[in-house]
N, C-alpha and C. Protein backbone atom coordinates (compact mmCIF):
# COMPACT_ATOMS: atom_id res chain seq x y z
N UNK A 1 41.09 78.25 128.86
CA UNK A 1 41.50 78.29 130.28
C UNK A 1 40.62 79.31 131.00
N UNK A 2 40.10 78.88 132.12
CA UNK A 2 39.24 79.77 132.87
C UNK A 2 40.05 80.48 133.93
N UNK A 3 39.45 81.47 134.57
CA UNK A 3 40.15 82.25 135.58
C UNK A 3 40.57 81.41 136.78
N UNK A 4 39.86 80.28 137.02
CA UNK A 4 40.17 79.48 138.20
C UNK A 4 41.27 78.42 137.92
N UNK A 5 41.66 78.24 136.66
CA UNK A 5 42.68 77.27 136.38
C UNK A 5 44.02 77.99 136.09
N UNK A 6 45.08 77.32 136.39
CA UNK A 6 46.38 77.90 136.11
C UNK A 6 46.86 77.42 134.76
N UNK A 7 47.77 78.17 134.14
CA UNK A 7 48.27 77.80 132.84
C UNK A 7 49.12 76.52 132.95
N UNK A 8 49.22 75.79 131.85
CA UNK A 8 50.04 74.58 131.88
C UNK A 8 51.51 74.95 132.14
N UNK A 9 52.21 74.07 132.77
CA UNK A 9 53.64 74.30 133.01
C UNK A 9 54.44 73.14 132.49
N UNK A 10 55.71 73.38 132.29
CA UNK A 10 56.65 72.38 131.84
C UNK A 10 57.91 72.59 132.66
N UNK A 11 58.17 71.64 133.54
CA UNK A 11 59.34 71.75 134.44
C UNK A 11 60.25 70.58 134.24
N UNK A 12 61.45 70.67 134.85
CA UNK A 12 62.43 69.60 134.72
C UNK A 12 63.03 69.33 136.07
N UNK A 13 63.58 68.14 136.18
CA UNK A 13 64.31 67.74 137.41
C UNK A 13 65.75 68.16 137.25
N UNK A 14 66.35 68.58 138.35
CA UNK A 14 67.77 68.95 138.31
C UNK A 14 68.41 68.46 139.59
N UNK A 15 69.73 68.54 139.61
CA UNK A 15 70.50 67.98 140.72
C UNK A 15 70.13 68.63 142.05
N UNK A 16 70.15 67.82 143.07
CA UNK A 16 69.86 68.28 144.45
C UNK A 16 70.81 69.41 144.83
N UNK A 17 72.06 69.29 144.45
CA UNK A 17 73.05 70.35 144.79
C UNK A 17 72.64 71.68 144.16
N UNK A 18 72.17 71.66 142.92
CA UNK A 18 71.74 72.87 142.26
C UNK A 18 70.49 73.42 142.94
N UNK A 19 69.58 72.54 143.33
CA UNK A 19 68.39 72.99 144.08
C UNK A 19 68.81 73.72 145.36
N UNK A 20 69.71 73.09 146.10
CA UNK A 20 70.19 73.67 147.37
C UNK A 20 70.82 75.03 147.11
N UNK A 21 71.67 75.10 146.10
CA UNK A 21 72.35 76.36 145.75
C UNK A 21 71.33 77.42 145.35
N UNK A 22 70.32 77.06 144.60
CA UNK A 22 69.30 77.99 144.14
C UNK A 22 68.49 78.50 145.33
N UNK A 23 68.04 77.58 146.17
CA UNK A 23 67.25 77.97 147.32
C UNK A 23 68.05 78.91 148.25
N UNK A 24 69.26 78.57 148.47
CA UNK A 24 70.14 79.38 149.36
C UNK A 24 70.29 80.79 148.79
N UNK A 25 70.60 80.89 147.52
CA UNK A 25 70.84 82.21 146.91
C UNK A 25 69.54 83.03 146.88
N UNK A 26 68.41 82.42 146.58
CA UNK A 26 67.16 83.16 146.54
C UNK A 26 66.79 83.64 147.96
N UNK A 27 66.99 82.81 148.97
CA UNK A 27 66.74 83.25 150.33
C UNK A 27 67.65 84.41 150.71
N UNK A 28 68.88 84.35 150.30
CA UNK A 28 69.85 85.41 150.59
C UNK A 28 69.39 86.73 149.92
N UNK A 29 69.04 86.64 148.63
CA UNK A 29 68.63 87.83 147.92
C UNK A 29 67.40 88.45 148.57
N UNK A 30 66.50 87.65 149.03
CA UNK A 30 65.22 88.14 149.59
C UNK A 30 65.40 88.70 151.00
N UNK A 31 66.51 88.38 151.65
CA UNK A 31 66.70 88.79 153.03
C UNK A 31 67.70 89.91 153.25
N UNK A 32 68.57 90.12 152.29
CA UNK A 32 69.62 91.15 152.49
C UNK A 32 69.08 92.53 152.19
N UNK A 33 69.74 93.50 152.80
CA UNK A 33 69.35 94.88 152.57
C UNK A 33 69.64 95.35 151.16
N UNK A 34 70.77 94.89 150.60
CA UNK A 34 71.16 95.34 149.27
C UNK A 34 71.38 94.09 148.36
N UNK A 35 70.31 93.67 147.66
CA UNK A 35 70.45 92.50 146.78
C UNK A 35 71.44 92.69 145.64
N UNK A 36 71.82 93.91 145.30
CA UNK A 36 72.73 94.14 144.19
C UNK A 36 74.13 93.56 144.45
N UNK A 37 74.43 93.31 145.69
CA UNK A 37 75.74 92.70 146.03
C UNK A 37 75.81 91.25 145.56
N UNK A 38 74.67 90.71 145.17
CA UNK A 38 74.60 89.30 144.75
C UNK A 38 74.27 89.15 143.25
N UNK A 39 74.47 90.21 142.51
CA UNK A 39 74.19 90.19 141.06
C UNK A 39 74.97 89.10 140.37
N UNK A 40 76.23 89.04 140.64
CA UNK A 40 77.12 88.06 139.99
C UNK A 40 76.70 86.65 140.27
N UNK A 41 76.36 86.37 141.52
CA UNK A 41 75.96 85.04 141.89
C UNK A 41 74.63 84.67 141.23
N UNK A 42 73.71 85.65 141.10
CA UNK A 42 72.47 85.36 140.44
C UNK A 42 72.68 85.15 138.97
N UNK A 43 73.54 85.89 138.34
CA UNK A 43 73.88 85.69 136.95
C UNK A 43 74.45 84.33 136.70
N UNK A 44 75.37 83.87 137.56
CA UNK A 44 75.93 82.53 137.47
C UNK A 44 74.88 81.47 137.65
N UNK A 45 73.97 81.69 138.60
CA UNK A 45 72.92 80.71 138.84
C UNK A 45 71.97 80.59 137.64
N UNK A 46 71.61 81.71 137.04
CA UNK A 46 70.72 81.67 135.85
C UNK A 46 71.40 80.91 134.73
N UNK A 47 72.68 81.13 134.56
CA UNK A 47 73.44 80.38 133.54
C UNK A 47 73.39 78.89 133.82
N UNK A 48 73.60 78.52 135.08
CA UNK A 48 73.61 77.09 135.50
C UNK A 48 72.25 76.48 135.32
N UNK A 49 71.20 77.21 135.67
CA UNK A 49 69.86 76.68 135.48
C UNK A 49 69.51 76.54 134.00
N UNK A 50 69.95 77.47 133.18
CA UNK A 50 69.76 77.42 131.74
C UNK A 50 70.45 76.15 131.17
N UNK A 51 71.65 75.91 131.60
CA UNK A 51 72.38 74.73 131.16
C UNK A 51 71.63 73.46 131.56
N UNK A 52 71.16 73.42 132.80
CA UNK A 52 70.39 72.25 133.27
C UNK A 52 69.14 72.04 132.44
N UNK A 53 68.46 73.15 132.12
CA UNK A 53 67.24 73.07 131.32
C UNK A 53 67.53 72.54 129.92
N UNK A 54 68.56 73.06 129.27
CA UNK A 54 68.92 72.61 127.93
C UNK A 54 69.26 71.11 127.96
N UNK A 55 69.96 70.70 129.00
CA UNK A 55 70.29 69.28 129.09
C UNK A 55 69.05 68.42 129.25
N UNK A 56 68.16 68.86 130.15
CA UNK A 56 66.95 68.06 130.40
C UNK A 56 65.95 68.09 129.27
N UNK A 57 65.77 69.21 128.61
CA UNK A 57 64.76 69.32 127.57
C UNK A 57 65.23 68.87 126.23
N UNK A 58 66.55 68.84 126.00
CA UNK A 58 67.05 68.54 124.66
C UNK A 58 68.05 67.38 124.67
N UNK A 59 69.11 67.48 125.41
CA UNK A 59 70.17 66.46 125.35
C UNK A 59 69.74 65.12 125.89
N UNK A 60 69.12 65.07 127.03
CA UNK A 60 68.69 63.79 127.60
C UNK A 60 67.66 63.09 126.72
N UNK A 61 66.65 63.80 126.20
CA UNK A 61 65.70 63.14 125.30
C UNK A 61 66.38 62.55 124.05
N UNK A 62 67.40 63.25 123.53
CA UNK A 62 68.13 62.71 122.37
C UNK A 62 68.86 61.43 122.76
N UNK A 63 69.45 61.46 123.95
CA UNK A 63 70.18 60.26 124.41
C UNK A 63 69.18 59.11 124.59
N UNK A 64 68.02 59.41 125.16
CA UNK A 64 67.01 58.34 125.36
C UNK A 64 66.52 57.78 124.01
N UNK A 65 66.47 58.68 123.02
CA UNK A 65 66.01 58.28 121.68
C UNK A 65 67.07 57.47 120.94
N UNK A 66 68.25 57.38 121.50
CA UNK A 66 69.38 56.68 120.87
C UNK A 66 69.62 57.14 119.45
N UNK A 67 69.87 58.45 119.37
CA UNK A 67 70.02 59.08 118.03
C UNK A 67 71.35 58.77 117.37
N UNK A 68 72.26 58.17 118.10
CA UNK A 68 73.55 57.85 117.50
C UNK A 68 74.61 58.86 117.98
N UNK A 69 75.83 58.35 117.92
CA UNK A 69 76.97 59.13 118.47
C UNK A 69 77.15 60.48 117.79
N UNK A 70 77.13 60.52 116.45
CA UNK A 70 77.40 61.75 115.76
C UNK A 70 76.29 62.80 116.02
N UNK A 71 75.05 62.41 116.00
CA UNK A 71 73.97 63.31 116.28
C UNK A 71 74.06 63.83 117.73
N UNK A 72 74.33 62.92 118.64
CA UNK A 72 74.47 63.34 120.04
C UNK A 72 75.63 64.31 120.23
N UNK A 73 76.72 64.03 119.63
CA UNK A 73 77.89 64.92 119.72
C UNK A 73 77.62 66.27 119.12
N UNK A 74 76.92 66.28 117.98
CA UNK A 74 76.55 67.56 117.33
C UNK A 74 75.65 68.34 118.27
N UNK A 75 74.69 67.70 118.89
CA UNK A 75 73.78 68.37 119.82
C UNK A 75 74.58 68.91 121.03
N UNK A 76 75.44 68.10 121.58
CA UNK A 76 76.29 68.51 122.70
C UNK A 76 77.09 69.74 122.35
N UNK A 77 77.69 69.75 121.19
CA UNK A 77 78.50 70.87 120.73
C UNK A 77 77.65 72.10 120.56
N UNK A 78 76.46 71.94 119.95
CA UNK A 78 75.57 73.04 119.76
C UNK A 78 75.11 73.67 121.07
N UNK A 79 74.77 72.84 122.03
CA UNK A 79 74.34 73.35 123.33
C UNK A 79 75.49 74.06 124.04
N UNK A 80 76.68 73.46 123.98
CA UNK A 80 77.86 74.08 124.61
C UNK A 80 78.14 75.42 123.94
N UNK A 81 78.04 75.53 122.63
CA UNK A 81 78.28 76.78 121.92
C UNK A 81 77.22 77.83 122.27
N UNK A 82 76.00 77.40 122.32
CA UNK A 82 74.91 78.32 122.67
C UNK A 82 75.08 78.88 124.08
N UNK A 83 75.49 77.99 124.99
CA UNK A 83 75.74 78.40 126.36
C UNK A 83 76.89 79.41 126.45
N UNK A 84 77.96 79.13 125.72
CA UNK A 84 79.10 80.08 125.71
C UNK A 84 78.67 81.44 125.20
N UNK A 85 77.74 81.52 124.29
CA UNK A 85 77.29 82.80 123.74
C UNK A 85 76.33 83.43 124.73
N UNK A 86 75.42 82.67 125.31
CA UNK A 86 74.40 83.21 126.19
C UNK A 86 74.91 83.65 127.57
N UNK A 87 75.90 82.90 128.08
CA UNK A 87 76.34 83.11 129.46
C UNK A 87 76.82 84.55 129.72
N UNK A 88 77.71 85.12 128.88
CA UNK A 88 78.12 86.49 129.14
C UNK A 88 76.96 87.53 129.03
N UNK A 89 76.08 87.26 128.09
CA UNK A 89 74.91 88.18 127.92
C UNK A 89 74.06 88.10 129.15
N UNK A 90 73.76 86.91 129.67
CA UNK A 90 72.93 86.76 130.85
C UNK A 90 73.61 87.45 132.05
N UNK A 91 74.89 87.23 132.24
CA UNK A 91 75.60 87.86 133.35
C UNK A 91 75.63 89.35 133.21
N UNK A 92 75.84 89.87 132.01
CA UNK A 92 75.88 91.29 131.74
C UNK A 92 74.55 91.94 132.11
N UNK A 93 73.46 91.36 131.64
CA UNK A 93 72.13 91.91 131.88
C UNK A 93 71.80 91.87 133.37
N UNK A 94 72.01 90.76 134.00
CA UNK A 94 71.70 90.66 135.44
C UNK A 94 72.63 91.58 136.24
N UNK A 95 73.84 91.78 135.76
CA UNK A 95 74.79 92.65 136.46
C UNK A 95 74.41 94.12 136.41
N UNK A 96 73.43 94.47 135.60
CA UNK A 96 72.96 95.88 135.52
C UNK A 96 71.62 96.12 136.23
N UNK A 97 71.05 95.06 136.79
CA UNK A 97 69.73 95.21 137.41
C UNK A 97 69.84 95.84 138.80
N UNK A 98 68.77 96.56 139.20
CA UNK A 98 68.71 97.14 140.54
C UNK A 98 68.10 96.09 141.47
N UNK A 99 68.06 96.44 142.77
CA UNK A 99 67.58 95.48 143.76
C UNK A 99 66.17 94.99 143.50
N UNK A 100 65.27 95.86 143.14
CA UNK A 100 63.86 95.50 142.89
C UNK A 100 63.80 94.51 141.69
N UNK A 101 64.56 94.80 140.69
CA UNK A 101 64.59 93.89 139.50
C UNK A 101 65.17 92.53 139.82
N UNK A 102 66.20 92.52 140.64
CA UNK A 102 66.81 91.24 141.08
C UNK A 102 65.78 90.40 141.87
N UNK A 103 65.03 91.07 142.72
CA UNK A 103 64.00 90.38 143.50
C UNK A 103 62.89 89.86 142.62
N UNK A 104 62.60 90.58 141.53
CA UNK A 104 61.61 90.11 140.59
C UNK A 104 62.13 88.84 139.87
N UNK A 105 63.41 88.80 139.50
CA UNK A 105 63.98 87.62 138.86
C UNK A 105 63.93 86.48 139.89
N UNK A 106 64.27 86.76 141.13
CA UNK A 106 64.24 85.73 142.18
C UNK A 106 62.81 85.14 142.30
N UNK A 107 61.82 86.02 142.30
CA UNK A 107 60.42 85.58 142.37
C UNK A 107 60.01 84.70 141.18
N UNK A 108 60.51 85.06 140.02
CA UNK A 108 60.21 84.28 138.83
C UNK A 108 60.81 82.89 138.91
N UNK A 109 62.03 82.82 139.42
CA UNK A 109 62.69 81.51 139.59
C UNK A 109 61.92 80.68 140.62
N UNK A 110 61.48 81.33 141.70
CA UNK A 110 60.69 80.61 142.68
C UNK A 110 59.44 80.03 142.13
N UNK A 111 58.76 80.81 141.26
CA UNK A 111 57.55 80.33 140.61
C UNK A 111 57.82 79.10 139.75
N UNK A 112 58.93 79.15 139.05
CA UNK A 112 59.33 77.96 138.21
C UNK A 112 59.61 76.76 139.07
N UNK A 113 60.07 76.98 140.28
CA UNK A 113 60.41 75.87 141.18
C UNK A 113 59.15 75.19 141.69
N UNK A 114 58.01 75.96 141.61
CA UNK A 114 56.71 75.37 141.99
C UNK A 114 56.62 75.03 143.43
């Protein structure tokens, strides 16, 4: 990769409602005087985006591959379990960030949105 090329990316499609929610929250974070008042909302959003990513990168491809009911259900259960474990950790970490750090997270999400 040369200096003039960007690194490869891997993105996924997600619901229009989640896009609207994401855009609105990021704009709010970037415009308010104290972004820390929106920690909880950002934590919830990151959890929701993570769920959407897991669904798009793992569950939907399995469904398209027609892996069978038991395999699909096992995958669904695994993703649901992983999300239940990750969600409180994500919210806890984001809940401790300062305004500058929250804006950094916001910027990273914007980059992923392309």
